[in-house]
Structure formats: C-alpha cells, structure tokens
Amino acid sequence: MLKFISKYTDKISGIDIYPIIALIIFVVFFAAMLVYVKKMKKSSIDEMKNLPLDLFEEQKPTNA
C-alpha cells in the first residue's frame, strides 16, 4: 500500500514539508497540554478524579 501512495507523492513538489509541520503541531500541542496539566489546581484535579464516581452514584436507583 505504501508503494502505491509513494509513487504518487514523489511527483508532488513541496510535499516533504507536511510531515515536518505535522510533527511540529503534535509537539506543540503535547507540550501545551503538559503545561496546562502541570498548572492545574489540586482541587480541580480532585474534582475531575471523582467525577465518574459521582455520576455513577447519582444514576444508581435507591431501593429504600
């Protein structure tokens, strides 16, 4: 499959910049998310950590 694609991409001029741009976008996004998570407040992390359990408890029917 790669040979089929590479046969056509070799004919396109300037296509070699796209993998570099994709890598740069990925690294910038990953670094931004890392900085965002590191700067989060501890209280908001604890709130998000318990969120799935809180939603499950709200949906559980009571048989009392």
Protein backbone atom coordinates (compact mmCIF):
# COMPACT_ATOMS: atom_id res chain seq x y z
CA MET A 1 0.00 0.00 0.00
CA LEU A 2 2.84 2.39 0.81
CA LYS A 3 4.46 1.81 -2.57
CA PHE A 4 1.18 2.75 -4.23
CA ILE A 5 0.98 6.01 -2.28
CA SER A 6 4.66 6.88 -2.54
CA LYS A 7 4.56 6.53 -6.31
CA TYR A 8 2.18 9.49 -6.48
CA THR A 9 3.58 11.55 -3.64
CA ASP A 10 7.04 11.56 -5.22
CA LYS A 11 5.59 13.54 -8.12
CA ILE A 12 4.16 16.31 -5.91
CA SER A 13 6.57 19.17 -5.36
CA GLY A 14 6.88 20.57 -1.85
CA ILE A 15 5.17 17.65 -0.13
CA ASP A 16 8.17 16.92 2.09
CA ILE A 17 7.25 19.83 4.39
CA TYR A 18 3.94 18.30 5.54
CA PRO A 19 5.39 15.62 7.84
CA ILE A 20 7.59 18.26 9.47
CA ILE A 21 4.58 20.56 10.01
CA ALA A 22 2.56 17.66 11.44
CA LEU A 23 5.37 16.80 13.86
CA ILE A 24 5.68 20.42 14.98
CA ILE A 25 1.92 20.69 15.56
CA PHE A 26 1.96 17.46 17.58
CA VAL A 27 4.90 18.51 19.74
CA VAL A 28 3.46 21.98 20.40
CA PHE A 29 0.05 20.52 21.32
CA PHE A 30 1.63 17.89 23.60
CA ALA A 31 3.80 20.50 25.32
CA ALA A 32 0.84 22.85 25.77
CA MET A 33 -1.25 20.08 27.33
CA LEU A 34 1.63 19.16 29.63
CA VAL A 35 1.97 22.77 30.80
CA TYR A 36 -1.82 23.04 31.25
CA VAL A 37 -1.96 19.90 33.40
CA LYS A 38 1.06 20.95 35.48
CA LYS A 39 -0.51 24.36 36.23
CA MET A 40 -3.92 22.99 37.24
CA LYS A 41 -5.05 23.49 40.80
CA LYS A 42 -5.08 20.45 43.06
CA SER A 43 -8.75 20.99 43.89
CA SER A 44 -9.84 20.87 40.26
CA ILE A 45 -7.81 17.69 39.72
CA ASP A 46 -9.52 16.05 42.71
CA GLU A 47 -12.91 17.16 41.39
CA MET A 48 -12.22 15.63 37.97
CA LYS A 49 -10.80 12.48 39.56
CA ASN A 50 -14.05 11.82 41.43
CA LEU A 51 -16.35 12.89 38.61
CA PRO A 52 -17.02 9.42 37.14
CA LEU A 53 -17.84 8.04 40.58
CA ASP A 54 -20.12 10.97 41.39
CA LEU A 55 -22.08 10.48 38.17
CA PHE A 56 -22.47 6.76 38.86
CA GLU A 57 -23.82 7.42 42.35
CA GLU A 58 -26.38 9.91 41.03
CA GLN A 59 -27.74 7.44 38.49
CA LYS A 60 -27.94 4.49 40.91
CA PRO A 61 -31.58 3.88 41.91
CA THR A 62 -32.38 3.58 45.58
CA ASN A 63 -34.45 0.64 46.78
CA ALA A 64 -35.39 2.08 50.16
